[in-house]
Each structure stands twice: as C-alpha cells, then as structure tokens.
C-alpha atoms as a PDB file:
ATOM      1  CA  MET A   1    -115.770-122.584 -82.706  1.00  0.00           C
ATOM      2  CA  SER A   2    -118.263-119.823 -81.881  1.00  0.00           C
ATOM      3  CA  THR A   3    -115.745-117.884 -79.763  1.00  0.00           C
ATOM      4  CA  ARG A   4    -113.222-118.003 -82.613  1.00  0.00           C
ATOM      5  CA  VAL A   5    -115.815-116.478 -84.918  1.00  0.00           C
ATOM      6  CA  LEU A   6    -116.751-113.794 -82.392  1.00  0.00           C
ATOM      7  CA  ARG A   7    -113.098-112.827 -81.923  1.00  0.00           C
ATOM      8  CA  LEU A   8    -112.404-112.913 -85.692  1.00  0.00           C
ATOM      9  CA  GLU A   9    -109.270-114.944 -85.102  1.00  0.00           C
ATOM     10  CA  GLY A  10    -108.584-115.397 -88.811  1.00  0.00           C
ATOM     11  CA  LEU A  11    -107.819-111.714 -89.324  1.00  0.00           C
ATOM     12  CA  PRO A  12    -104.419-110.216 -88.589  1.00  0.00           C
ATOM     13  CA  ALA A  13    -104.491-108.675 -85.145  1.00  0.00           C
ATOM     14  CA  GLY A  14    -102.408-106.142 -83.370  1.00  0.00           C
ATOM     15  CA  ARG A  15    -100.938-102.745 -83.679  1.00  0.00           C
ATOM     16  CA  ASP A  16     -99.067-103.367 -86.940  1.00  0.00           C
ATOM     17  CA  ALA A  17    -102.165-104.443 -88.878  1.00  0.00           C
ATOM     18  CA  GLY A  18    -104.081-101.450 -87.534  1.00  0.00           C
ATOM     19  CA  LEU A  19    -101.290 -99.054 -88.492  1.00  0.00           C
ATOM     20  CA  LEU A  20    -101.191-100.542 -91.990  1.00  0.00           C
ATOM     21  CA  ALA A  21    -104.936 -99.983 -92.418  1.00  0.00           C
ATOM     22  CA  LEU A  22    -104.659 -96.436 -91.045  1.00  0.00           C
ATOM     23  CA  ARG A  23    -101.665 -95.653 -93.304  1.00  0.00           C
ATOM     24  CA  VAL A  24    -103.379 -96.896 -96.452  1.00  0.00           C
ATOM     25  CA  ILE A  25    -106.947 -95.623 -96.003  1.00  0.00           C
ATOM     26  CA  VAL A  26    -106.577 -92.061 -94.716  1.00  0.00           C
ATOM     27  CA  PRO A  27    -103.489 -90.923 -96.662  1.00  0.00           C
ATOM     28  CA  GLY A  28    -104.892 -92.745 -99.694  1.00  0.00           C
ATOM     29  CA  SER A  29    -108.051 -90.665 -99.633  1.00  0.00           C
ATOM     30  CA  LEU A  30    -106.082 -87.447 -99.075  1.00  0.00           C
ATOM     31  CA  PHE A  31    -103.799 -88.278-102.004  1.00  0.00           C
ATOM     32  CA  LEU A  32    -106.652 -89.172-104.353  1.00  0.00           C
ATOM     33  CA  LYS A  33    -108.705 -86.079-103.499  1.00  0.00           C
ATOM     34  CA  HIS A  34    -106.040 -83.411-102.942  1.00  0.00           C
ATOM     35  CA  GLY A  35    -102.607 -84.753-103.923  1.00  0.00           C
ATOM     36  CA  LEU A  36    -103.392 -85.665-107.515  1.00  0.00           C
ATOM     37  CA  GLU A  37    -105.208 -82.369-107.965  1.00  0.00           C
ATOM     38  CA  LYS A  38    -102.193 -80.372-106.787  1.00  0.00           C
ATOM     39  CA  LEU A  39     -99.710 -82.433-108.794  1.00  0.00           C
ATOM     40  CA  PHE A  40    -101.600 -82.274-112.087  1.00  0.00           C
ATOM     41  CA  THR A  41    -103.187 -78.808-111.938  1.00  0.00           C
ATOM     42  CA  PHE A  42    -100.363 -76.911-110.232  1.00  0.00           C
ATOM     43  CA  GLY A  43    -100.223 -74.155-112.854  1.00  0.00           C
ATOM     44  CA  ALA A  44    -103.942 -73.468-112.763  1.00  0.00           C
ATOM     45  CA  MET A  45    -104.071 -73.588-108.961  1.00  0.00           C
ATOM     46  CA  SER A  46    -101.103 -71.252-108.481  1.00  0.00           C
ATOM     47  CA  ALA A  47    -103.074 -68.328-109.933  1.00  0.00           C
ATOM     48  CA  HIS A  48    -105.743 -68.434-107.215  1.00  0.00           C
ATOM     49  CA  PHE A  49    -104.248 -70.414-104.307  1.00  0.00           C
ATOM     50  CA  PRO A  50    -104.652 -68.655-100.930  1.00  0.00           C
ATOM     51  CA  ASP A  51    -101.655 -67.093 -99.197  1.00  0.00           C
ATOM     52  CA  PRO A  52    -102.557 -67.170 -95.502  1.00  0.00           C
ATOM     53  CA  LEU A  53     -98.932 -67.200 -94.294  1.00  0.00           C
ATOM     54  CA  HIS A  54     -97.945 -64.246 -96.506  1.00  0.00           C
ATOM     55  CA  ILE A  55     -95.077 -66.156 -98.119  1.00  0.00           C
ATOM     56  CA  GLY A  56     -96.664 -66.063-101.569  1.00  0.00           C
ATOM     57  CA  ALA A  57     -99.283 -68.202-103.242  1.00  0.00           C
ATOM     58  CA  VAL A  58     -96.761 -70.384-105.085  1.00  0.00           C
ATOM     59  CA  PRO A  59     -94.604 -71.248-102.014  1.00  0.00           C
ATOM     60  CA  THR A  60     -97.791 -71.996-100.069  1.00  0.00           C
ATOM     61  CA  LEU A  61     -99.022 -74.236-102.882  1.00  0.00           C
ATOM     62  CA  ILE A  62     -95.626 -75.973-103.069  1.00  0.00           C
ATOM     63  CA  PHE A  63     -95.793 -76.715 -99.323  1.00  0.00           C
ATOM     64  CA  ALA A  64     -99.327 -78.099 -99.717  1.00  0.00           C
ATOM     65  CA  MET A  65     -98.358 -80.062-102.833  1.00  0.00           C
ATOM     66  CA  VAL A  66     -95.447 -81.721-101.015  1.00  0.00           C
ATOM     67  CA  ALA A  67     -97.781 -82.564 -98.134  1.00  0.00           C
ATOM     68  CA  ASP A  68    -100.651 -83.973-100.197  1.00  0.00           C
ATOM     69  CA  GLY A  69     -98.859 -85.171-103.322  1.00  0.00           C
ATOM     70  CA  ILE A  70     -95.581 -86.545-101.949  1.00  0.00           C
ATOM     71  CA  CYS A  71     -96.008 -87.222 -98.224  1.00  0.00           C
ATOM     72  CA  MET A  72     -99.254 -89.167 -98.680  1.00  0.00           C
ATOM     73  CA  PRO A  73     -97.691 -91.821-100.971  1.00  0.00           C
ATOM     74  CA  LEU A  74     -94.768 -91.994 -98.521  1.00  0.00           C
ATOM     75  CA  LEU A  75     -97.231 -92.665 -95.696  1.00  0.00           C
ATOM     76  CA  ILE A  76     -99.012 -95.342 -97.723  1.00  0.00           C
ATOM     77  CA  LEU A  77     -95.675 -97.093 -98.270  1.00  0.00           C
ATOM     78  CA  GLY A  78     -94.540 -96.458 -94.721  1.00  0.00           C
ATOM     79  CA  LEU A  79     -91.392 -94.642 -95.841  1.00  0.00           C
ATOM     80  CA  ALA A  80     -90.133 -91.684 -93.763  1.00  0.00           C
ATOM     81  CA  THR A  81     -93.435 -92.104 -91.977  1.00  0.00           C
ATOM     82  CA  ARG A  82     -92.945 -89.789 -89.022  1.00  0.00           C
ATOM     83  CA  TRP A  83     -91.517 -86.964 -91.163  1.00  0.00           C
ATOM     84  CA  ALA A  84     -94.332 -87.301 -93.699  1.00  0.00           C
ATOM     85  CA  ALA A  85     -96.994 -87.349 -90.972  1.00  0.00           C
ATOM     86  CA  ALA A  86     -95.467 -84.270 -89.314  1.00  0.00           C
ATOM     87  CA  TRP A  87     -95.338 -82.369 -92.632  1.00  0.00           C
ATOM     88  CA  GLU A  88     -98.983 -83.196 -93.379  1.00  0.00           C
ATOM     89  CA  PHE A  89    -100.019 -82.304 -89.815  1.00  0.00           C
ATOM     90  CA  VAL A  90     -98.517 -78.823 -90.210  1.00  0.00           C
ATOM     91  CA  ASN A  91    -100.206 -78.437 -93.605  1.00  0.00           C
ATOM     92  CA  LEU A  92    -103.607 -79.486 -92.243  1.00  0.00           C
ATOM     93  CA  LEU A  93    -103.271 -77.299 -89.161  1.00  0.00           C
ATOM     94  CA  ALA A  94    -102.429 -74.301 -91.341  1.00  0.00           C
ATOM     95  CA  ALA A  95    -105.402 -74.997 -93.604  1.00  0.00           C
ATOM     96  CA  TRP A  96    -107.780 -75.472 -90.688  1.00  0.00           C
ATOM     97  CA  SER A  97    -106.567 -72.373 -88.875  1.00  0.00           C
ATOM     98  CA  PHE A  98    -106.006 -69.894 -91.706  1.00  0.00           C
ATOM     99  CA  ALA A  99    -108.454 -71.048 -94.377  1.00  0.00           C
ATOM    100  CA  HIS A 100    -111.230 -72.551 -92.241  1.00  0.00           C
ATOM    101  CA  HIS A 101    -110.685 -70.448 -89.073  1.00  0.00           C
ATOM    102  CA  PHE A 102    -110.956 -73.488 -86.767  1.00  0.00           C
ATOM    103  CA  GLN A 103    -114.595 -73.926 -87.732  1.00  0.00           C
ATOM    104  CA  PHE A 104    -116.059 -77.169 -86.494  1.00  0.00           C
ATOM    105  CA  PHE A 105    -119.714 -76.327 -85.849  1.00  0.00           C
ATOM    106  CA  GLY A 106    -122.185 -74.086 -87.612  1.00  0.00           C
ATOM    107  CA  ARG A 107    -122.391 -72.499 -91.012  1.00  0.00           C
ATOM    108  CA  GLY A 108    -119.312 -72.896 -93.170  1.00  0.00           C
ATOM    109  CA  ALA A 109    -117.887 -75.727 -91.054  1.00  0.00           C
ATOM    110  CA  ASP A 110    -118.451 -78.417 -93.655  1.00  0.00           C
ATOM    111  CA  HIS A 111    -114.768 -79.502 -93.598  1.00  0.00           C
ATOM    112  CA  GLY A 112    -114.014 -78.975 -89.899  1.00  0.00           C
ATOM    113  CA  GLU A 113    -114.840 -82.476 -88.728  1.00  0.00           C
ATOM    114  CA  LEU A 114    -112.916 -84.127 -91.568  1.00  0.00           C
ATOM    115  CA  ILE A 115    -109.854 -81.955 -90.966  1.00  0.00           C
ATOM    116  CA  VAL A 116    -109.879 -82.932 -87.288  1.00  0.00           C
ATOM    117  CA  VAL A 117    -110.034 -86.629 -88.278  1.00  0.00           C
ATOM    118  CA  TYR A 118    -107.089 -86.095 -90.650  1.00  0.00           C
ATOM    119  CA  LEU A 119    -105.156 -84.210 -87.941  1.00  0.00           C
ATOM    120  CA  GLY A 120    -105.774 -87.022 -85.462  1.00  0.00           C
ATOM    121  CA  THR A 121    -104.610 -89.612 -87.974  1.00  0.00           C
ATOM    122  CA  MET A 122    -101.392 -87.722 -88.711  1.00  0.00           C
ATOM    123  CA  LEU A 123    -100.712 -87.276 -84.999  1.00  0.00           C
ATOM    124  CA  ALA A 124    -101.304 -90.991 -84.366  1.00  0.00           C
ATOM    125  CA  LEU A 125     -98.962 -91.992 -87.211  1.00  0.00           C
ATOM    126  CA  PHE A 126     -96.337 -89.527 -85.995  1.00  0.00           C
ATOM    127  CA  LEU A 127     -96.475 -90.904 -82.456  1.00  0.00           C
ATOM    128  CA  ALA A 128     -96.857 -94.622 -83.250  1.00  0.00           C
ATOM    129  CA  GLY A 129     -94.673 -94.864 -86.335  1.00  0.00           C
ATOM    130  CA  PRO A 130     -95.388 -97.031 -89.358  1.00  0.00           C
ATOM    131  CA  GLY A 131     -95.515-100.525 -87.857  1.00  0.00           C
ATOM    132  CA  LYS A 132     -93.756-103.593 -89.208  1.00  0.00           C
ATOM    133  CA  TYR A 133     -95.792-103.772 -92.446  1.00  0.00           C
ATOM    134  CA  SER A 134     -93.938-100.836 -93.987  1.00  0.00           C
ATOM    135  CA  VAL A 135     -90.753 -99.912 -95.813  1.00  0.00           C
ATOM    136  CA  ASP A 136     -89.473 -98.299 -92.605  1.00  0.00           C
ATOM    137  CA  GLY A 137     -90.194-101.517 -90.700  1.00  0.00           C
ATOM    138  CA  TRP A 138     -88.468-103.617 -93.342  1.00  0.00           C
ATOM    139  CA  MET A 139     -85.388-101.358 -93.292  1.00  0.00           C
ATOM    140  CA  GLU A 140     -85.268-101.506 -89.486  1.00  0.00           C
ATOM    141  CA  ARG A 141     -85.386-105.322 -89.521  1.00  0.00           C
ATOM    142  CA  ARG A 142     -82.718-105.443 -92.250  1.00  0.00           C
ATOM    143  CA  ASP A 143     -80.433-103.097 -90.311  1.00  0.00           C
ATOM    144  CA  ARG A 144     -80.948-105.082 -87.107  1.00  0.00           C
ATOM    145  CA  VAL A 145     -80.002-108.339 -88.851  1.00  0.00           C
ATOM    146  CA  SER A 146     -76.929-106.814 -90.533  1.00  0.00           C
ATOM    147  CA  THR A 147     -75.606-105.437 -87.223  1.00  0.00           C
ATOM    148  CA  GLU A 148     -76.238-108.729 -85.433  1.00  0.00           C
ATOM    149  CA  GLU A 149     -74.421-110.871 -88.025  1.00  0.00           C
ATOM    150  CA  PRO A 150     -70.808-109.880 -87.129  1.00  0.00           C
ATOM    151  CA  ALA A 151     -71.469-110.484 -83.444  1.00  0.00           C
ATOM    152  CA  ALA A 152     -73.027-113.861 -84.189  1.00  0.00           C
ATOM    153  CA  ARG A 153     -70.103-114.830 -86.438  1.00  0.00           C
ATOM    154  CA  SER A 154     -67.495-113.865 -83.834  1.00  0.00           C
ATOM    155  CA  ALA A 155     -69.388-115.839 -81.188  1.00  0.00           C
ATOM    156  CA  MET A 156     -69.398-118.856 -83.492  1.00  0.00           C
ATOM    157  CA  LEU A 157     -65.614-118.606 -84.019  1.00  0.00           C
ATOM    158  CA  ARG A 158     -64.875-118.778 -80.290  1.00  0.00           C
END
C-alpha cells in the first residue's frame, strides 16, 4: 500500500498525460494573457505595435495575433499541434530577439526567463506531438481504424 501511494499509481501516467498537461497549461496562460488581448483590442494595438521585421505594424500584429489568439486554442485542443507550436515558436523567438534583445539576465530582462520557458514548451510540443489525448490523436486513431477495416473484412471473407 505505501509503495502505491509513493508512486501515485492512481494518477494517469506516461507521455500522453504529460503532453496533455503541457498543452493545456502553457498555451492556456499565453492565450489568456496575450491572445485575448490581441483578439479584442486589435484596433487599439495596431496604432502602437512594434515593427521589428520592417513589414509594417499591422502585418506584425496579425502574425502575433494568429500565434497567440488562434494557435494557442489549437494547441489546447491538440489540433494541428505541430504547426501551431512551430508558428508560436517563431513568434516568441522574434519577440525575444527583436523586442527583448535576447535579454535573460540583468536590468530589463524581466520577461527573458518566461520567454525561454515558452520557447522550450513550443519546441517540446513540436518535437513530441500532441499525444493521444488530443483531436490530432483521435483523428489518427480514427484513420487507422478506417484503413484497417477493409483489410479485416477481406480476411474474414477468405
């Protein structure tokens, strides 16, 4: 009994449960803090949004809005997970490099550590994928079953 308690055997274990927690917590906080802001105050933000890539403030804001306001809910659901994680990774890397100048230590580096945590999360989700507790995982299982059915039926007819 005591070893079961120490190992927390009642909780879901494994990679898929960990990916679900990672997909919900980190993108959820990014969406709540930055995504909703960009979606609902786009007009006000477009007047003063930075243009570090010299493509215009509005195109830069649109790229960031897609990353924070659209890709984060996709990551939470586990839909188009690798594409959404890659898009957000590029957005975060651009923000950290052009707006925060890769600051991690010292004065003015108040967001550096958090950006690195977000970057690491997006890289992990890009590399690992969404896991089975996701829309992508459900679609993969559905597709696998639908492609196996004809083969199973023809084997049964023989």
